[in-house]
C-alpha cells in the first residue's frame, strides 16, 4: 500500500493526499509531527533529505515534492492526467505555476498569520505576500472564465495542485466571494466523489495543538 508522510495543516501534502484519494489507489497517511520538528530529524532526512512533507513511499520507490507525487499517482492510476501530450504539458504548466506563484505565497502567508505568535508576525511581509497572492488569484480566476476545469473537460492534477491551500479555513487574505470563477471551481472540486477536507483527509489540525 502507498504511504504518504503528511500532516493536516500542510497544503502541499493535501495536494498529494487528495490526488491519491481521487485516483482510487490504495494509500494510507503517516503522520509527521511537523510543529515539533519531526521533519528536521536525522531519521526523517533519511526519508527525504530536503526535510519536507509530503513524502510518498510506494514499495521501493520514494518520492518527494507534491507535483512529482501527483504526476506519479496520475500515471500509475491512469486518472487525473491529460488526454494528449499537449494537455500533459499544459497540466505541468499549471502545476509549476501553482508551486511558484500560488502555493508558495499562500502557504507562507497562512503560516505567518496563523501559526506564529501575534507579536512575531511580520506585518509588512504579510502585506507584500498578500499583494502577490491577489495577482495570482486574478490569474486563476481569469483562466477559469467560461471553463469548468483548468485543462480539458475534466478534473486533473492541475486543478488539485492549484486548489491545495484554498480550502483551508484559516485566514490568509483569500475571500472566495471576491473571485466568483474560483468560488464555483472550488465547489465543483468539493462535489467530486471522494473529496475530503484537508483536516478530514490527513491527521493533524490546529485543534489538536490548541
N, C-alpha and C. Protein backbone atom coordinates (compact mmCIF):
# COMPACT_ATOMS: atom_id res chain seq x y z
N UNK A 1 0.84 -1.20 0.00
CA UNK A 1 0.00 0.00 0.00
C UNK A 1 0.88 1.25 0.00
N UNK A 2 0.46 2.25 -0.74
CA UNK A 2 1.19 3.52 -0.77
C UNK A 2 1.07 4.21 0.58
N UNK A 3 2.19 4.73 1.06
CA UNK A 3 2.19 5.53 2.29
C UNK A 3 2.51 6.97 1.93
N UNK A 4 1.77 7.90 2.52
CA UNK A 4 2.03 9.32 2.33
C UNK A 4 2.35 9.94 3.68
N UNK A 5 3.58 10.41 3.82
CA UNK A 5 4.01 11.10 5.03
C UNK A 5 3.51 12.54 4.93
N UNK A 6 2.69 12.94 5.89
CA UNK A 6 1.96 14.19 5.74
C UNK A 6 1.48 14.69 7.10
N UNK A 7 0.88 15.86 7.11
CA UNK A 7 0.14 16.35 8.27
C UNK A 7 -0.93 17.31 7.77
N UNK A 8 -2.01 17.39 8.52
CA UNK A 8 -3.21 18.05 8.04
C UNK A 8 -3.06 19.50 7.67
N UNK A 9 -2.18 20.22 8.36
CA UNK A 9 -2.05 21.65 8.11
C UNK A 9 -1.30 21.97 6.82
N UNK A 10 -0.69 21.00 6.19
CA UNK A 10 0.14 21.24 5.01
C UNK A 10 -0.68 21.21 3.73
N UNK A 11 -0.77 22.35 3.07
CA UNK A 11 -1.46 22.40 1.79
C UNK A 11 -0.75 21.61 0.71
N UNK A 12 0.57 21.56 0.78
CA UNK A 12 1.30 20.77 -0.21
C UNK A 12 1.04 19.28 -0.02
N UNK A 13 0.98 18.84 1.23
CA UNK A 13 0.61 17.45 1.49
C UNK A 13 -0.82 17.18 1.05
N UNK A 14 -1.69 18.17 1.21
CA UNK A 14 -3.09 17.99 0.80
C UNK A 14 -3.22 17.72 -0.69
N UNK A 15 -2.40 18.42 -1.49
CA UNK A 15 -2.45 18.19 -2.95
C UNK A 15 -2.17 16.72 -3.25
N UNK A 16 -1.15 16.17 -2.61
CA UNK A 16 -0.79 14.77 -2.85
C UNK A 16 -1.85 13.83 -2.30
N UNK A 17 -2.34 14.12 -1.10
CA UNK A 17 -3.35 13.26 -0.48
C UNK A 17 -4.65 13.25 -1.27
N UNK A 18 -5.07 14.42 -1.72
CA UNK A 18 -6.32 14.50 -2.48
C UNK A 18 -6.17 13.79 -3.83
N UNK A 19 -5.01 13.92 -4.45
CA UNK A 19 -4.76 13.21 -5.70
C UNK A 19 -4.83 11.70 -5.48
N UNK A 20 -4.21 11.22 -4.41
CA UNK A 20 -4.28 9.80 -4.09
C UNK A 20 -5.73 9.37 -3.85
N UNK A 21 -6.45 10.15 -3.09
CA UNK A 21 -7.82 9.78 -2.73
C UNK A 21 -8.71 9.70 -3.98
N UNK A 22 -8.57 10.66 -4.88
CA UNK A 22 -9.42 10.69 -6.06
C UNK A 22 -8.95 9.73 -7.15
N UNK A 23 -7.71 9.26 -7.02
CA UNK A 23 -7.18 8.33 -8.03
C UNK A 23 -7.74 6.92 -7.89
N UNK A 24 -8.22 6.58 -6.70
CA UNK A 24 -8.69 5.23 -6.45
C UNK A 24 -7.62 4.26 -6.00
N UNK A 25 -6.35 4.72 -5.95
CA UNK A 25 -5.28 3.85 -5.47
C UNK A 25 -5.40 3.66 -3.95
N UNK A 26 -4.94 2.53 -3.46
CA UNK A 26 -4.94 2.30 -2.02
C UNK A 26 -3.76 3.03 -1.39
N UNK A 27 -4.03 3.78 -0.34
CA UNK A 27 -2.97 4.53 0.32
C UNK A 27 -3.36 4.75 1.78
N UNK A 28 -2.37 5.13 2.56
CA UNK A 28 -2.63 5.48 3.95
C UNK A 28 -1.72 6.64 4.36
N UNK A 29 -2.23 7.54 5.20
CA UNK A 29 -1.41 8.65 5.68
C UNK A 29 -0.53 8.21 6.85
N UNK A 30 0.67 8.76 6.89
CA UNK A 30 1.58 8.57 8.03
C UNK A 30 1.85 9.96 8.60
N UNK A 31 1.43 10.17 9.83
CA UNK A 31 1.51 11.50 10.43
C UNK A 31 2.95 11.92 10.71
N UNK A 32 3.28 13.13 10.29
CA UNK A 32 4.57 13.73 10.59
C UNK A 32 4.32 14.89 11.55
N UNK A 33 4.95 14.85 12.71
CA UNK A 33 4.74 15.88 13.73
C UNK A 33 5.61 17.10 13.41
N UNK A 34 5.20 17.81 12.38
CA UNK A 34 5.99 18.91 11.84
C UNK A 34 6.25 20.00 12.88
N UNK A 35 5.24 20.36 13.64
CA UNK A 35 5.37 21.51 14.55
C UNK A 35 6.26 21.21 15.75
N UNK A 36 6.55 19.94 15.97
CA UNK A 36 7.53 19.59 16.99
C UNK A 36 8.86 19.15 16.39
N UNK A 37 9.05 19.48 15.12
CA UNK A 37 10.36 19.32 14.50
C UNK A 37 10.67 17.97 13.89
N UNK A 38 9.69 17.10 13.73
CA UNK A 38 10.00 15.76 13.22
C UNK A 38 10.64 15.79 11.83
N UNK A 39 10.20 16.74 10.98
CA UNK A 39 10.74 16.78 9.61
C UNK A 39 12.21 17.18 9.57
N UNK A 40 12.73 17.70 10.68
CA UNK A 40 14.14 18.12 10.72
C UNK A 40 15.03 17.09 11.39
N UNK A 41 14.47 15.97 11.80
CA UNK A 41 15.26 14.95 12.48
C UNK A 41 16.11 14.16 11.49
N UNK A 42 17.24 13.60 11.94
CA UNK A 42 18.05 12.77 11.04
C UNK A 42 17.27 11.60 10.46
N UNK A 43 16.36 11.03 11.25
CA UNK A 43 15.59 9.89 10.77
C UNK A 43 14.71 10.29 9.59
N UNK A 44 14.06 11.44 9.70
CA UNK A 44 13.20 11.87 8.60
C UNK A 44 14.02 12.26 7.39
N UNK A 45 15.18 12.87 7.61
CA UNK A 45 16.01 13.28 6.47
C UNK A 45 16.59 12.08 5.73
N UNK A 46 16.61 10.93 6.36
CA UNK A 46 16.96 9.72 5.61
C UNK A 46 15.86 9.37 4.62
N UNK A 47 14.63 9.72 4.97
CA UNK A 47 13.50 9.50 4.09
C UNK A 47 13.45 10.57 3.00
N UNK A 48 13.67 11.83 3.39
CA UNK A 48 13.68 12.95 2.44
C UNK A 48 14.75 13.93 2.87
N UNK A 49 15.83 13.99 2.12
CA UNK A 49 16.95 14.85 2.51
C UNK A 49 16.60 16.33 2.45
N UNK A 50 15.46 16.67 1.84
CA UNK A 50 15.01 18.07 1.82
C UNK A 50 14.31 18.47 3.12
N UNK A 51 13.98 17.49 3.95
CA UNK A 51 13.34 17.80 5.23
C UNK A 51 11.95 18.38 5.10
N UNK A 52 11.19 17.88 4.12
CA UNK A 52 9.86 18.44 3.85
C UNK A 52 8.83 17.33 3.73
N UNK A 53 7.58 17.71 3.90
CA UNK A 53 6.46 16.85 3.52
C UNK A 53 5.77 17.52 2.33
N UNK A 54 5.10 16.74 1.50
CA UNK A 54 4.83 15.30 1.62
C UNK A 54 5.98 14.45 1.10
N UNK A 55 5.97 13.19 1.55
CA UNK A 55 6.83 12.16 1.00
C UNK A 55 5.95 10.94 0.75
N UNK A 56 6.07 10.37 -0.43
CA UNK A 56 5.30 9.18 -0.78
C UNK A 56 6.24 7.98 -0.91
N UNK A 57 5.83 6.88 -0.31
CA UNK A 57 6.59 5.64 -0.43
C UNK A 57 5.67 4.58 -1.03
N UNK A 58 6.08 4.06 -2.17
CA UNK A 58 5.32 3.01 -2.85
C UNK A 58 6.30 1.87 -3.14
N UNK A 59 6.33 0.89 -2.24
CA UNK A 59 7.28 -0.21 -2.38
C UNK A 59 8.70 0.31 -2.24
N UNK A 60 9.52 0.10 -3.26
CA UNK A 60 10.91 0.55 -3.23
C UNK A 60 11.07 1.99 -3.69
N UNK A 61 10.00 2.61 -4.11
CA UNK A 61 10.07 3.97 -4.65
C UNK A 61 9.70 5.00 -3.59
N UNK A 62 10.55 6.00 -3.44
CA UNK A 62 10.26 7.12 -2.54
C UNK A 62 10.31 8.41 -3.35
N UNK A 63 9.26 9.21 -3.25
CA UNK A 63 9.19 10.48 -3.98
C UNK A 63 8.85 11.61 -3.02
N UNK A 64 9.45 12.76 -3.23
CA UNK A 64 9.05 13.97 -2.52
C UNK A 64 8.67 15.02 -3.55
N UNK A 65 8.17 16.15 -3.05
CA UNK A 65 7.62 17.26 -3.84
C UNK A 65 6.23 16.88 -4.36
N UNK A 66 5.27 17.72 -4.00
CA UNK A 66 3.87 17.41 -4.28
C UNK A 66 3.59 17.21 -5.76
N UNK A 67 4.16 18.06 -6.62
CA UNK A 67 3.89 17.95 -8.04
C UNK A 67 4.40 16.64 -8.62
N UNK A 68 5.56 16.19 -8.15
CA UNK A 68 6.11 14.91 -8.60
C UNK A 68 5.22 13.76 -8.15
N UNK A 69 4.76 13.82 -6.90
CA UNK A 69 3.87 12.77 -6.39
C UNK A 69 2.57 12.74 -7.19
N UNK A 70 2.02 13.92 -7.45
CA UNK A 70 0.78 13.98 -8.23
C UNK A 70 0.97 13.38 -9.62
N UNK A 71 2.09 13.68 -10.26
CA UNK A 71 2.36 13.15 -11.59
C UNK A 71 2.48 11.63 -11.55
N UNK A 72 3.16 11.11 -10.53
CA UNK A 72 3.31 9.66 -10.40
C UNK A 72 1.97 8.98 -10.19
N UNK A 73 1.16 9.54 -9.29
CA UNK A 73 -0.13 8.94 -8.99
C UNK A 73 -1.03 8.96 -10.22
N UNK A 74 -1.01 10.06 -10.95
CA UNK A 74 -1.80 10.16 -12.16
C UNK A 74 -1.36 9.11 -13.19
N UNK A 75 -0.05 8.96 -13.35
CA UNK A 75 0.47 7.98 -14.30
C UNK A 75 0.13 6.56 -13.88
N UNK A 76 0.29 6.27 -12.60
CA UNK A 76 0.04 4.90 -12.12
C UNK A 76 -1.43 4.53 -12.20
N UNK A 77 -2.30 5.47 -11.88
CA UNK A 77 -3.74 5.19 -11.84
C UNK A 77 -4.40 5.34 -13.20
N UNK A 78 -3.77 6.09 -14.10
CA UNK A 78 -4.41 6.39 -15.37
C UNK A 78 -5.52 7.41 -15.26
N UNK A 79 -5.54 8.14 -14.16
CA UNK A 79 -6.59 9.14 -13.91
C UNK A 79 -5.97 10.50 -13.64
N UNK A 80 -6.78 11.54 -13.83
CA UNK A 80 -6.43 12.91 -13.45
C UNK A 80 -5.31 13.51 -14.29
N UNK A 81 -5.03 12.89 -15.44
CA UNK A 81 -3.99 13.40 -16.32
C UNK A 81 -4.57 13.86 -17.65
N UNK A 82 -3.74 14.37 -18.50
CA UNK A 82 -4.19 14.85 -19.80
C UNK A 82 -4.44 13.70 -20.77
N UNK A 83 -5.20 14.03 -21.82
CA UNK A 83 -5.53 13.04 -22.83
C UNK A 83 -4.64 13.14 -24.06
N UNK A 84 -3.68 14.06 -24.02
CA UNK A 84 -2.75 14.23 -25.13
C UNK A 84 -1.46 14.80 -24.58
N UNK A 85 -0.42 14.79 -25.41
CA UNK A 85 0.85 15.38 -24.98
C UNK A 85 0.70 16.86 -24.71
N UNK A 86 -0.09 17.55 -25.52
CA UNK A 86 -0.31 18.97 -25.30
C UNK A 86 -1.00 19.23 -23.97
N UNK A 87 -2.00 18.41 -23.65
CA UNK A 87 -2.68 18.59 -22.37
C UNK A 87 -1.75 18.29 -21.20
N UNK A 88 -0.91 17.29 -21.33
CA UNK A 88 0.01 16.98 -20.24
C UNK A 88 0.99 18.12 -20.00
N UNK A 89 1.42 18.76 -21.08
CA UNK A 89 2.30 19.92 -20.91
C UNK A 89 1.55 21.08 -20.27
N UNK A 90 0.29 21.26 -20.64
CA UNK A 90 -0.50 22.33 -20.05
C UNK A 90 -0.75 22.06 -18.56
N UNK A 91 -0.96 20.81 -18.22
CA UNK A 91 -1.09 20.46 -16.80
C UNK A 91 0.19 20.79 -16.06
N UNK A 92 1.33 20.42 -16.62
CA UNK A 92 2.61 20.71 -15.99
C UNK A 92 2.80 22.22 -15.83
N UNK A 93 2.38 22.99 -16.83
CA UNK A 93 2.50 24.45 -16.74
C UNK A 93 1.76 24.98 -15.52
N UNK A 94 0.55 24.47 -15.28
CA UNK A 94 -0.22 24.94 -14.14
C UNK A 94 0.35 24.44 -12.81
N UNK A 95 0.86 23.22 -12.79
CA UNK A 95 1.48 22.70 -11.55
C UNK A 95 2.69 23.55 -11.19
N UNK A 96 3.52 23.88 -12.16
CA UNK A 96 4.70 24.72 -11.90
C UNK A 96 4.28 26.13 -11.52
N UNK A 97 3.27 26.66 -12.19
CA UNK A 97 2.78 28.00 -11.84
C UNK A 97 2.29 28.02 -10.39
N UNK A 98 1.50 27.03 -10.03
CA UNK A 98 0.99 26.97 -8.66
C UNK A 98 2.13 26.92 -7.65
N UNK A 99 3.10 26.06 -7.88
CA UNK A 99 4.20 25.91 -6.93
C UNK A 99 4.94 27.23 -6.73
N UNK A 100 5.07 28.00 -7.79
CA UNK A 100 5.85 29.25 -7.71
C UNK A 100 5.02 30.46 -7.33
N UNK A 101 3.83 30.57 -7.89
CA UNK A 101 3.05 31.81 -7.76
C UNK A 101 1.93 31.76 -6.72
N UNK A 102 1.39 30.57 -6.48
CA UNK A 102 0.23 30.49 -5.60
C UNK A 102 0.53 29.78 -4.29
N UNK A 103 0.85 28.51 -4.34
CA UNK A 103 1.01 27.76 -3.10
C UNK A 103 2.17 28.27 -2.24
N UNK A 104 3.27 28.62 -2.87
CA UNK A 104 4.42 29.10 -2.08
C UNK A 104 4.06 30.36 -1.31
N UNK A 105 3.31 31.25 -1.95
CA UNK A 105 2.92 32.50 -1.29
C UNK A 105 1.81 32.25 -0.26
N UNK A 106 0.82 31.44 -0.65
CA UNK A 106 -0.30 31.18 0.25
C UNK A 106 0.15 30.43 1.50
N UNK A 107 1.01 29.43 1.32
CA UNK A 107 1.48 28.67 2.47
C UNK A 107 2.27 29.53 3.43
N UNK A 108 3.14 30.37 2.89
CA UNK A 108 3.93 31.25 3.76
C UNK A 108 3.04 32.25 4.48
N UNK A 109 2.12 32.87 3.75
CA UNK A 109 1.24 33.87 4.35
C UNK A 109 0.36 33.26 5.44
N UNK A 110 -0.20 32.10 5.14
CA UNK A 110 -1.05 31.43 6.13
C UNK A 110 -0.25 31.07 7.37
N UNK A 111 0.98 30.61 7.19
CA UNK A 111 1.83 30.27 8.34
C UNK A 111 2.11 31.51 9.18
N UNK A 112 2.50 32.59 8.53
CA UNK A 112 2.84 33.82 9.26
C UNK A 112 1.64 34.38 10.02
N UNK A 113 0.46 34.26 9.43
CA UNK A 113 -0.73 34.86 10.03
C UNK A 113 -1.39 34.00 11.10
N UNK A 114 -1.12 32.70 11.08
CA UNK A 114 -1.88 31.81 11.96
C UNK A 114 -1.05 30.94 12.89
N UNK A 115 0.20 30.67 12.52
CA UNK A 115 0.99 29.72 13.28
C UNK A 115 2.19 30.35 13.97
N UNK A 116 2.30 31.66 13.89
CA UNK A 116 3.29 32.40 14.67
C UNK A 116 2.57 33.18 15.77
N UNK A 117 3.21 33.40 16.92
CA UNK A 117 2.60 34.28 17.92
C UNK A 117 2.36 35.67 17.31
N UNK A 118 1.29 36.30 17.71
CA UNK A 118 0.89 37.56 17.08
C UNK A 118 2.00 38.61 17.09
N UNK A 119 2.77 38.64 18.18
CA UNK A 119 3.82 39.65 18.28
C UNK A 119 4.99 39.39 17.34
N UNK A 120 5.05 38.20 16.77
CA UNK A 120 6.16 37.87 15.88
C UNK A 120 5.75 37.90 14.40
N UNK A 121 4.53 38.29 14.12
CA UNK A 121 4.06 38.29 12.74
C UNK A 121 4.58 39.52 12.00
N UNK A 122 5.29 39.33 10.90
CA UNK A 122 5.87 40.46 10.16
C UNK A 122 4.82 41.13 9.27
N UNK A 123 4.28 42.23 9.74
CA UNK A 123 3.14 42.86 9.07
C UNK A 123 3.47 43.27 7.64
N UNK A 124 4.64 43.85 7.43
CA UNK A 124 4.99 44.31 6.08
C UNK A 124 5.19 43.14 5.13
N UNK A 125 5.79 42.07 5.60
CA UNK A 125 5.98 40.89 4.76
C UNK A 125 4.64 40.27 4.39
N UNK A 126 3.73 40.23 5.35
CA UNK A 126 2.41 39.67 5.08
C UNK A 126 1.68 40.50 4.02
N UNK A 127 1.76 41.82 4.14
CA UNK A 127 1.10 42.69 3.15
C UNK A 127 1.71 42.49 1.76
N UNK A 128 3.02 42.35 1.70
CA UNK A 128 3.69 42.12 0.41
C UNK A 128 3.23 40.81 -0.21
N UNK A 129 3.19 39.76 0.59
CA UNK A 129 2.78 38.46 0.08
C UNK A 129 1.31 38.46 -0.34
N UNK A 130 0.48 39.15 0.40
CA UNK A 130 -0.94 39.20 0.04
C UNK A 130 -1.14 39.93 -1.29
N UNK A 131 -0.31 40.94 -1.56
CA UNK A 131 -0.40 41.63 -2.85
C UNK A 131 -0.02 40.69 -3.99
N UNK A 132 1.02 39.88 -3.78
CA UNK A 132 1.41 38.90 -4.80
C UNK A 132 0.31 37.85 -4.99
N UNK A 133 -0.30 37.45 -3.89
CA UNK A 133 -1.39 36.48 -3.98
C UNK A 133 -2.59 37.04 -4.74
N UNK A 134 -2.87 38.30 -4.55
CA UNK A 134 -4.00 38.90 -5.26
C UNK A 134 -3.79 38.79 -6.77
N UNK A 135 -2.55 38.99 -7.22
CA UNK A 135 -2.25 38.85 -8.64
C UNK A 135 -2.43 37.40 -9.08
N UNK A 136 -2.05 36.45 -8.22
CA UNK A 136 -2.22 35.04 -8.56
C UNK A 136 -3.70 34.66 -8.63
N UNK A 137 -4.49 35.15 -7.68
CA UNK A 137 -5.92 34.86 -7.72
C UNK A 137 -6.54 35.40 -9.00
N UNK A 138 -6.11 36.59 -9.42
CA UNK A 138 -6.64 37.19 -10.64
C UNK A 138 -6.31 36.32 -11.85
N UNK A 139 -5.10 35.79 -11.90
CA UNK A 139 -4.70 34.91 -13.00
C UNK A 139 -5.56 33.65 -13.02
N UNK A 140 -5.74 33.04 -11.86
CA UNK A 140 -6.52 31.81 -11.77
C UNK A 140 -7.99 32.07 -12.10
N UNK A 141 -8.52 33.14 -11.56
CA UNK A 141 -9.93 33.46 -11.81
C UNK A 141 -10.18 33.69 -13.30
N UNK A 142 -9.26 34.39 -13.97
CA UNK A 142 -9.40 34.64 -15.40
C UNK A 142 -9.30 33.35 -16.20
N UNK A 143 -8.40 32.46 -15.79
CA UNK A 143 -8.23 31.19 -16.51
C UNK A 143 -9.48 30.33 -16.44
N UNK A 144 -10.27 30.51 -15.39
CA UNK A 144 -11.47 29.70 -15.20
C UNK A 144 -12.72 30.34 -15.79
N UNK A 145 -12.57 31.49 -16.41
CA UNK A 145 -13.72 32.14 -17.04
C UNK A 145 -14.28 31.25 -18.15
N UNK A 146 -15.53 30.86 -18.01
CA UNK A 146 -16.17 30.03 -19.02
C UNK A 146 -15.69 28.60 -19.06
N UNK A 147 -14.94 28.18 -18.04
CA UNK A 147 -14.40 26.83 -18.01
C UNK A 147 -14.76 26.15 -16.69
N UNK A 148 -14.93 24.84 -16.74
CA UNK A 148 -15.14 24.08 -15.51
C UNK A 148 -13.83 23.68 -14.86
N UNK A 149 -12.81 23.39 -15.69
CA UNK A 149 -11.53 22.88 -15.20
C UNK A 149 -10.39 23.61 -15.91
N UNK A 150 -9.21 23.57 -15.33
CA UNK A 150 -8.09 24.32 -15.89
C UNK A 150 -7.60 23.75 -17.22
N UNK A 151 -7.64 22.43 -17.35
CA UNK A 151 -7.14 21.79 -18.57
C UNK A 151 -8.16 20.75 -19.04
N UNK A 152 -8.59 20.87 -20.28
CA UNK A 152 -9.52 19.89 -20.81
C UNK A 152 -10.91 20.01 -20.20
N UNK A 153 -11.65 18.90 -20.28
CA UNK A 153 -13.05 18.92 -19.86
C UNK A 153 -13.32 18.09 -18.61
N UNK A 154 -12.25 17.78 -17.87
CA UNK A 154 -12.44 17.05 -16.61
C UNK A 154 -11.34 17.45 -15.63
N UNK A 155 -11.52 17.11 -14.37
CA UNK A 155 -10.56 17.48 -13.34
C UNK A 155 -9.23 16.77 -13.60
N UNK A 156 -8.14 17.50 -13.37
CA UNK A 156 -6.79 16.94 -13.50
C UNK A 156 -5.96 17.37 -12.30
N UNK A 157 -4.73 16.89 -12.27
CA UNK A 157 -3.85 17.30 -11.17
C UNK A 157 -3.52 18.78 -11.23
N UNK A 158 -3.76 19.44 -12.36
CA UNK A 158 -3.61 20.90 -12.40
C UNK A 158 -4.58 21.55 -11.42
N UNK A 159 -5.83 21.11 -11.44
CA UNK A 159 -6.83 21.63 -10.50
C UNK A 159 -6.48 21.28 -9.06
N UNK A 160 -6.03 20.04 -8.85
CA UNK A 160 -5.75 19.59 -7.49
C UNK A 160 -4.49 20.22 -6.92
N UNK A 161 -3.60 20.71 -7.79
CA UNK A 161 -2.45 21.48 -7.32
C UNK A 161 -2.88 22.87 -6.91
N UNK A 162 -3.61 23.53 -7.80
CA UNK A 162 -3.94 24.95 -7.57
C UNK A 162 -4.94 25.16 -6.44
N UNK A 163 -5.73 24.14 -6.11
CA UNK A 163 -6.71 24.31 -5.03
C UNK A 163 -6.12 24.01 -3.67
N UNK A 164 -4.87 23.55 -3.62
CA UNK A 164 -4.31 22.97 -2.41
C UNK A 164 -4.49 23.78 -1.14
N UNK A 165 -4.26 25.09 -1.20
CA UNK A 165 -4.38 25.91 0.01
C UNK A 165 -5.73 26.60 0.14
N UNK A 166 -6.55 26.53 -0.90
CA UNK A 166 -7.74 27.38 -0.93
C UNK A 166 -8.93 26.81 -0.17
N UNK A 167 -8.82 25.58 0.32
CA UNK A 167 -9.88 25.00 1.14
C UNK A 167 -9.64 25.19 2.64
N UNK A 168 -8.50 25.74 3.02
CA UNK A 168 -8.20 25.86 4.45
C UNK A 168 -9.01 26.99 5.08
N UNK A 169 -9.46 26.80 6.32
CA UNK A 169 -10.31 27.80 6.96
C UNK A 169 -9.55 28.98 7.56
N UNK A 170 -8.26 28.82 7.84
CA UNK A 170 -7.51 29.90 8.49
C UNK A 170 -7.37 31.10 7.54
N UNK A 171 -7.51 32.31 8.04
CA UNK A 171 -7.43 33.49 7.17
C UNK A 171 -6.01 33.75 6.68
N UNK A 172 -5.91 34.05 5.39
CA UNK A 172 -4.62 34.49 4.86
C UNK A 172 -4.81 35.51 3.73
N UNK A 173 -6.01 36.09 3.67
CA UNK A 173 -6.27 37.13 2.68
C UNK A 173 -7.00 36.65 1.45
N UNK A 174 -7.55 35.44 1.51
CA UNK A 174 -8.32 34.90 0.39
C UNK A 174 -9.79 34.84 0.77
N UNK A 175 -10.62 35.56 0.03
CA UNK A 175 -12.08 35.55 0.24
C UNK A 175 -12.71 35.03 -1.05
N UNK A 176 -13.29 33.86 -0.98
CA UNK A 176 -13.86 33.23 -2.18
C UNK A 176 -14.87 34.14 -2.88
N UNK A 177 -15.59 34.93 -2.11
CA UNK A 177 -16.62 35.79 -2.70
C UNK A 177 -16.03 36.82 -3.66
N UNK A 178 -14.76 37.14 -3.50
CA UNK A 178 -14.12 38.12 -4.37
C UNK A 178 -13.77 37.55 -5.74
N UNK A 179 -13.80 36.22 -5.85
CA UNK A 179 -13.33 35.56 -7.06
C UNK A 179 -14.37 34.52 -7.50
N UNK A 180 -15.41 34.95 -8.20
CA UNK A 180 -16.55 34.05 -8.48
C UNK A 180 -16.19 32.81 -9.28
N UNK A 181 -15.24 32.91 -10.22
CA UNK A 181 -14.89 31.72 -11.01
C UNK A 181 -14.13 30.71 -10.14
N UNK A 182 -13.27 31.20 -9.27
CA UNK A 182 -12.58 30.31 -8.34
C UNK A 182 -13.57 29.68 -7.37
N UNK A 183 -14.51 30.49 -6.90
CA UNK A 183 -15.51 30.01 -5.94
C UNK A 183 -16.31 28.84 -6.54
N UNK A 184 -16.77 29.00 -7.77
CA UNK A 184 -17.55 27.95 -8.41
C UNK A 184 -16.69 26.71 -8.68
N UNK A 185 -15.45 26.94 -9.05
CA UNK A 185 -14.50 25.83 -9.32
C UNK A 185 -14.23 25.03 -8.04
N UNK A 186 -14.05 25.71 -6.91
CA UNK A 186 -13.84 25.01 -5.65
C UNK A 186 -15.07 24.20 -5.27
N UNK A 187 -16.26 24.72 -5.56
CA UNK A 187 -17.47 23.94 -5.31
C UNK A 187 -17.50 22.69 -6.18
N UNK A 188 -17.06 22.80 -7.43
CA UNK A 188 -17.03 21.62 -8.31
C UNK A 188 -16.05 20.58 -7.78
N UNK A 189 -14.90 21.03 -7.31
CA UNK A 189 -13.92 20.09 -6.76
C UNK A 189 -14.50 19.40 -5.52
N UNK A 190 -15.11 20.19 -4.64
CA UNK A 190 -15.66 19.62 -3.40
C UNK A 190 -16.82 18.68 -3.66
N UNK A 191 -17.43 18.76 -4.83
CA UNK A 191 -18.55 17.88 -5.18
C UNK A 191 -18.08 16.57 -5.81
N UNK A 192 -16.78 16.44 -6.07
CA UNK A 192 -16.27 15.21 -6.68
C UNK A 192 -16.40 14.03 -5.72
N UNK A 193 -16.78 12.87 -6.21
CA UNK A 193 -16.85 11.68 -5.33
C UNK A 193 -15.49 11.40 -4.69
N UNK A 194 -15.48 11.31 -3.39
CA UNK A 194 -14.24 11.03 -2.67
C UNK A 194 -13.56 12.26 -2.11
N UNK A 195 -14.02 13.47 -2.50
CA UNK A 195 -13.37 14.67 -1.97
C UNK A 195 -13.50 14.73 -0.45
N UNK A 196 -12.44 15.16 0.20
CA UNK A 196 -12.47 15.39 1.64
C UNK A 196 -11.71 16.66 1.97
N UNK A 197 -12.16 17.32 3.01
CA UNK A 197 -11.46 18.50 3.54
C UNK A 197 -10.09 18.05 4.06
N UNK A 198 -9.08 18.93 3.98
CA UNK A 198 -7.75 18.51 4.42
C UNK A 198 -7.69 17.95 5.84
N UNK A 199 -8.46 18.52 6.77
CA UNK A 199 -8.41 18.04 8.14
C UNK A 199 -9.16 16.73 8.33
N UNK A 200 -9.95 16.33 7.32
CA UNK A 200 -10.60 15.02 7.36
C UNK A 200 -9.80 13.97 6.61
N UNK A 201 -8.94 14.43 5.70
CA UNK A 201 -8.20 13.52 4.85
C UNK A 201 -6.86 13.10 5.46
N UNK A 202 -6.26 13.99 6.27
CA UNK A 202 -4.94 13.75 6.85
C UNK A 202 -4.98 13.98 8.34
N UNK A 203 -4.14 13.28 9.10
CA UNK A 203 -4.09 13.51 10.55
C UNK A 203 -3.39 14.82 10.87
N UNK A 204 -3.85 15.47 11.93
CA UNK A 204 -3.22 16.71 12.38
C UNK A 204 -4.05 17.92 11.98
N UNK A 205 -4.34 18.79 12.96
CA UNK A 205 -5.05 20.04 12.70
C UNK A 205 -4.73 21.00 13.83
N UNK A 206 -4.98 22.30 13.65
CA UNK A 206 -4.72 23.24 14.74
C UNK A 206 -5.47 22.90 16.03
N UNK A 207 -6.63 22.28 15.88
CA UNK A 207 -7.41 21.91 17.07
C UNK A 207 -6.64 20.92 17.94
N UNK A 208 -5.83 20.08 17.31
CA UNK A 208 -5.07 19.09 18.06
C UNK A 208 -3.99 19.74 18.93
N UNK A 209 -3.57 20.93 18.52
CA UNK A 209 -2.48 21.62 19.24
C UNK A 209 -3.00 22.74 20.12
N UNK A 210 -4.32 22.93 20.14
CA UNK A 210 -4.90 24.03 20.92
C UNK A 210 -4.73 23.78 22.41
